[in-house]
């Protein structure tokens, strides 16, 4: 569970299932389509937001500038999904 941008709380209750997030898998899902990696990580709000932003950028990508923004956004999305999953797994081990 993400409490803020820098702190991850793992397993608040004994009944909560142990979730394994593999960073490479989250990155792959985001590479397929931005937002999928975030949803895999349990960040449904952020994933939905990235879906909408990507959809808008794809629709308006007939402009070269918008296409460049889409590519940069897509790369950032993969990076964010990977680093979140890596931090989540590190917090579980700590």
N, C-alpha and C. Protein backbone atom coordinates (compact mmCIF):
# COMPACT_ATOMS: atom_id res chain seq x y z
N UNK A 1 0.86 -1.17 0.00
CA UNK A 1 0.00 0.00 0.00
C UNK A 1 0.90 1.23 0.00
N UNK A 2 0.60 2.19 -0.81
CA UNK A 2 1.38 3.41 -0.92
C UNK A 2 0.74 4.47 -0.05
N UNK A 3 1.50 5.00 0.92
CA UNK A 3 0.95 6.03 1.79
C UNK A 3 1.26 7.42 1.26
N UNK A 4 2.40 7.59 0.67
CA UNK A 4 2.74 8.82 -0.04
C UNK A 4 3.78 8.45 -1.08
N UNK A 5 4.35 9.42 -1.75
CA UNK A 5 5.25 9.14 -2.86
C UNK A 5 6.51 8.39 -2.43
N UNK A 6 6.95 8.52 -1.17
CA UNK A 6 8.21 7.94 -0.75
C UNK A 6 8.08 6.81 0.25
N UNK A 7 6.92 6.53 0.76
CA UNK A 7 6.77 5.52 1.80
C UNK A 7 5.79 4.44 1.36
N UNK A 8 6.20 3.20 1.51
CA UNK A 8 5.35 2.08 1.16
C UNK A 8 5.12 1.27 2.42
N UNK A 9 3.86 0.99 2.74
CA UNK A 9 3.51 0.17 3.89
C UNK A 9 3.09 -1.19 3.36
N UNK A 10 3.71 -2.23 3.87
CA UNK A 10 3.44 -3.58 3.40
C UNK A 10 2.72 -4.36 4.48
N UNK A 11 1.61 -5.02 4.12
CA UNK A 11 0.90 -5.92 5.02
C UNK A 11 0.43 -5.28 6.30
N UNK A 12 -0.58 -4.44 6.22
CA UNK A 12 -1.09 -3.77 7.42
C UNK A 12 -1.77 -4.73 8.38
N UNK A 13 -2.37 -5.80 7.88
CA UNK A 13 -3.04 -6.75 8.76
C UNK A 13 -2.54 -8.16 8.46
N UNK A 14 -2.69 -9.05 9.43
CA UNK A 14 -2.24 -10.42 9.26
C UNK A 14 -3.07 -11.15 8.21
N UNK A 15 -4.29 -10.69 7.98
CA UNK A 15 -5.18 -11.34 7.02
C UNK A 15 -4.88 -10.93 5.58
N UNK A 16 -4.11 -9.86 5.41
CA UNK A 16 -3.81 -9.36 4.07
C UNK A 16 -2.88 -10.32 3.35
N UNK A 17 -3.21 -10.65 2.09
CA UNK A 17 -2.40 -11.57 1.32
C UNK A 17 -1.05 -10.95 0.98
N UNK A 18 -0.04 -11.79 0.92
CA UNK A 18 1.30 -11.37 0.52
C UNK A 18 1.31 -11.21 -1.00
N UNK A 19 1.61 -10.03 -1.47
CA UNK A 19 1.65 -9.76 -2.90
C UNK A 19 3.10 -9.63 -3.35
N UNK A 20 3.44 -10.32 -4.42
CA UNK A 20 4.78 -10.22 -4.97
C UNK A 20 4.70 -9.38 -6.23
N UNK A 21 5.42 -8.28 -6.23
CA UNK A 21 5.48 -7.41 -7.41
C UNK A 21 6.85 -7.56 -8.03
N UNK A 22 6.88 -8.08 -9.23
CA UNK A 22 8.14 -8.21 -9.94
C UNK A 22 8.31 -6.96 -10.80
N UNK A 23 9.36 -6.18 -10.55
CA UNK A 23 9.55 -4.92 -11.28
C UNK A 23 9.55 -5.10 -12.80
N UNK A 24 10.17 -6.16 -13.30
CA UNK A 24 10.22 -6.36 -14.75
C UNK A 24 8.82 -6.57 -15.32
N UNK A 25 7.95 -7.23 -14.55
CA UNK A 25 6.59 -7.48 -15.03
C UNK A 25 5.79 -6.17 -15.08
N UNK A 26 5.94 -5.35 -14.04
CA UNK A 26 5.26 -4.06 -14.03
C UNK A 26 5.73 -3.19 -15.18
N UNK A 27 7.04 -3.20 -15.44
CA UNK A 27 7.59 -2.42 -16.55
C UNK A 27 7.06 -2.94 -17.88
N UNK A 28 6.98 -4.26 -18.03
CA UNK A 28 6.47 -4.84 -19.28
C UNK A 28 5.01 -4.44 -19.51
N UNK A 29 4.19 -4.53 -18.47
CA UNK A 29 2.78 -4.15 -18.62
C UNK A 29 2.66 -2.68 -19.03
N UNK A 30 3.50 -1.82 -18.46
CA UNK A 30 3.45 -0.41 -18.83
C UNK A 30 3.98 -0.19 -20.24
N UNK A 31 4.89 -1.05 -20.67
CA UNK A 31 5.39 -0.95 -22.04
C UNK A 31 4.28 -1.32 -23.03
N UNK A 32 3.46 -2.30 -22.68
CA UNK A 32 2.34 -2.70 -23.53
C UNK A 32 1.36 -1.54 -23.67
N UNK A 33 0.97 -0.95 -22.55
CA UNK A 33 0.11 0.23 -22.57
C UNK A 33 0.26 0.97 -21.25
N UNK A 34 0.55 2.27 -21.29
CA UNK A 34 0.73 3.04 -20.06
C UNK A 34 -0.47 2.92 -19.13
N UNK A 35 -0.17 2.66 -17.87
CA UNK A 35 -1.20 2.52 -16.85
C UNK A 35 -1.39 1.08 -16.41
N UNK A 36 -1.08 0.13 -17.30
CA UNK A 36 -1.25 -1.28 -16.93
C UNK A 36 -0.29 -1.69 -15.81
N UNK A 37 0.94 -1.20 -15.86
CA UNK A 37 1.90 -1.52 -14.80
C UNK A 37 1.48 -0.96 -13.47
N UNK A 38 0.94 0.26 -13.47
CA UNK A 38 0.47 0.86 -12.23
C UNK A 38 -0.71 0.07 -11.68
N UNK A 39 -1.61 -0.35 -12.54
CA UNK A 39 -2.75 -1.15 -12.08
C UNK A 39 -2.27 -2.50 -11.53
N UNK A 40 -1.27 -3.09 -12.15
CA UNK A 40 -0.69 -4.33 -11.65
C UNK A 40 -0.09 -4.11 -10.26
N UNK A 41 0.46 -2.92 -10.04
CA UNK A 41 1.04 -2.58 -8.74
C UNK A 41 -0.01 -2.24 -7.69
N UNK A 42 -1.27 -2.17 -8.08
CA UNK A 42 -2.33 -1.84 -7.14
C UNK A 42 -2.67 -0.36 -7.11
N UNK A 43 -2.12 0.41 -8.03
CA UNK A 43 -2.38 1.84 -8.10
C UNK A 43 -3.44 2.11 -9.17
N UNK A 44 -4.69 1.75 -8.89
CA UNK A 44 -5.75 1.89 -9.88
C UNK A 44 -5.99 3.34 -10.28
N UNK A 45 -5.92 4.25 -9.35
CA UNK A 45 -6.14 5.67 -9.65
C UNK A 45 -5.09 6.21 -10.60
N UNK A 46 -3.83 5.95 -10.30
CA UNK A 46 -2.74 6.42 -11.15
C UNK A 46 -2.80 5.73 -12.51
N UNK A 47 -3.10 4.43 -12.51
CA UNK A 47 -3.20 3.70 -13.77
C UNK A 47 -4.29 4.25 -14.67
N UNK A 48 -5.44 4.55 -14.08
CA UNK A 48 -6.55 5.13 -14.85
C UNK A 48 -6.17 6.49 -15.41
N UNK A 49 -5.50 7.29 -14.59
CA UNK A 49 -5.04 8.61 -15.02
C UNK A 49 -4.10 8.47 -16.22
N UNK A 50 -3.16 7.53 -16.16
CA UNK A 50 -2.22 7.32 -17.26
C UNK A 50 -2.94 6.80 -18.51
N UNK A 51 -3.96 5.97 -18.34
CA UNK A 51 -4.77 5.53 -19.48
C UNK A 51 -5.36 6.73 -20.21
N UNK A 52 -5.99 7.62 -19.45
CA UNK A 52 -6.66 8.78 -20.04
C UNK A 52 -5.65 9.69 -20.73
N UNK A 53 -4.54 9.99 -20.06
CA UNK A 53 -3.52 10.86 -20.66
C UNK A 53 -2.99 10.24 -21.96
N UNK A 54 -2.71 8.95 -21.93
CA UNK A 54 -2.21 8.27 -23.13
C UNK A 54 -3.23 8.32 -24.26
N UNK A 55 -4.48 8.07 -23.93
CA UNK A 55 -5.55 8.11 -24.93
C UNK A 55 -5.62 9.49 -25.59
N UNK A 56 -5.57 10.53 -24.78
CA UNK A 56 -5.61 11.90 -25.32
C UNK A 56 -4.40 12.17 -26.21
N UNK A 57 -3.22 11.74 -25.76
CA UNK A 57 -2.01 11.97 -26.55
C UNK A 57 -2.04 11.18 -27.86
N UNK A 58 -2.57 9.97 -27.83
CA UNK A 58 -2.65 9.17 -29.06
C UNK A 58 -3.61 9.82 -30.06
N UNK A 59 -4.75 10.28 -29.57
CA UNK A 59 -5.73 10.92 -30.46
C UNK A 59 -5.14 12.17 -31.11
N UNK A 60 -4.37 12.93 -30.34
CA UNK A 60 -3.83 14.18 -30.88
C UNK A 60 -2.40 14.02 -31.40
N UNK A 61 -1.96 12.80 -31.65
CA UNK A 61 -0.56 12.57 -32.04
C UNK A 61 -0.27 12.88 -33.51
N UNK A 62 -1.23 13.44 -34.21
CA UNK A 62 -0.95 13.85 -35.58
C UNK A 62 0.03 15.02 -35.60
N UNK A 63 0.19 15.69 -34.48
CA UNK A 63 1.19 16.75 -34.36
C UNK A 63 2.51 16.14 -33.89
N UNK A 64 3.60 16.57 -34.47
CA UNK A 64 4.92 16.03 -34.12
C UNK A 64 5.22 16.27 -32.64
N UNK A 65 4.91 17.43 -32.14
CA UNK A 65 5.19 17.76 -30.73
C UNK A 65 4.42 16.82 -29.81
N UNK A 66 3.17 16.58 -30.11
CA UNK A 66 2.36 15.69 -29.28
C UNK A 66 2.90 14.27 -29.34
N UNK A 67 3.38 13.84 -30.49
CA UNK A 67 3.96 12.50 -30.62
C UNK A 67 5.21 12.38 -29.74
N UNK A 68 6.03 13.41 -29.71
CA UNK A 68 7.22 13.40 -28.86
C UNK A 68 6.84 13.36 -27.38
N UNK A 69 5.82 14.11 -27.01
CA UNK A 69 5.34 14.09 -25.62
C UNK A 69 4.84 12.69 -25.27
N UNK A 70 4.14 12.05 -26.20
CA UNK A 70 3.64 10.69 -25.97
C UNK A 70 4.79 9.72 -25.72
N UNK A 71 5.83 9.80 -26.52
CA UNK A 71 6.98 8.90 -26.36
C UNK A 71 7.65 9.11 -25.01
N UNK A 72 7.87 10.36 -24.63
CA UNK A 72 8.49 10.67 -23.34
C UNK A 72 7.60 10.19 -22.20
N UNK A 73 6.31 10.43 -22.31
CA UNK A 73 5.36 10.00 -21.28
C UNK A 73 5.36 8.49 -21.15
N UNK A 74 5.40 7.78 -22.26
CA UNK A 74 5.39 6.31 -22.25
C UNK A 74 6.64 5.77 -21.54
N UNK A 75 7.80 6.35 -21.86
CA UNK A 75 9.05 5.92 -21.22
C UNK A 75 9.00 6.20 -19.72
N UNK A 76 8.52 7.38 -19.32
CA UNK A 76 8.39 7.70 -17.90
C UNK A 76 7.46 6.71 -17.21
N UNK A 77 6.38 6.35 -17.86
CA UNK A 77 5.40 5.43 -17.30
C UNK A 77 6.03 4.07 -17.00
N UNK A 78 6.83 3.55 -17.92
CA UNK A 78 7.52 2.27 -17.71
C UNK A 78 8.47 2.39 -16.52
N UNK A 79 9.23 3.48 -16.47
CA UNK A 79 10.17 3.71 -15.37
C UNK A 79 9.44 3.79 -14.03
N UNK A 80 8.33 4.50 -13.98
CA UNK A 80 7.60 4.67 -12.73
C UNK A 80 7.04 3.35 -12.23
N UNK A 81 6.49 2.54 -13.12
CA UNK A 81 5.94 1.23 -12.73
C UNK A 81 7.05 0.33 -12.19
N UNK A 82 8.20 0.33 -12.85
CA UNK A 82 9.32 -0.50 -12.42
C UNK A 82 9.84 -0.07 -11.05
N UNK A 83 10.06 1.23 -10.87
CA UNK A 83 10.62 1.69 -9.60
C UNK A 83 9.65 1.50 -8.44
N UNK A 84 8.34 1.65 -8.68
CA UNK A 84 7.37 1.42 -7.61
C UNK A 84 7.42 -0.04 -7.16
N UNK A 85 7.41 -0.96 -8.12
CA UNK A 85 7.45 -2.39 -7.77
C UNK A 85 8.74 -2.73 -7.05
N UNK A 86 9.85 -2.15 -7.47
CA UNK A 86 11.14 -2.41 -6.81
C UNK A 86 11.13 -1.89 -5.38
N UNK A 87 10.59 -0.68 -5.16
CA UNK A 87 10.52 -0.12 -3.80
C UNK A 87 9.57 -0.93 -2.93
N UNK A 88 8.48 -1.42 -3.52
CA UNK A 88 7.52 -2.23 -2.78
C UNK A 88 8.17 -3.51 -2.28
N UNK A 89 8.90 -4.18 -3.16
CA UNK A 89 9.58 -5.42 -2.77
C UNK A 89 10.67 -5.16 -1.74
N UNK A 90 11.39 -4.04 -1.87
CA UNK A 90 12.43 -3.69 -0.89
C UNK A 90 11.82 -3.41 0.47
N UNK A 91 10.65 -2.77 0.49
CA UNK A 91 9.97 -2.47 1.76
C UNK A 91 9.48 -3.74 2.43
N UNK A 92 9.10 -4.74 1.64
CA UNK A 92 8.66 -6.02 2.21
C UNK A 92 9.81 -6.74 2.88
N UNK A 93 11.00 -6.62 2.31
CA UNK A 93 12.16 -7.31 2.86
C UNK A 93 12.73 -6.62 4.09
N UNK A 94 12.41 -5.34 4.25
CA UNK A 94 12.96 -4.57 5.38
C UNK A 94 12.22 -4.85 6.66
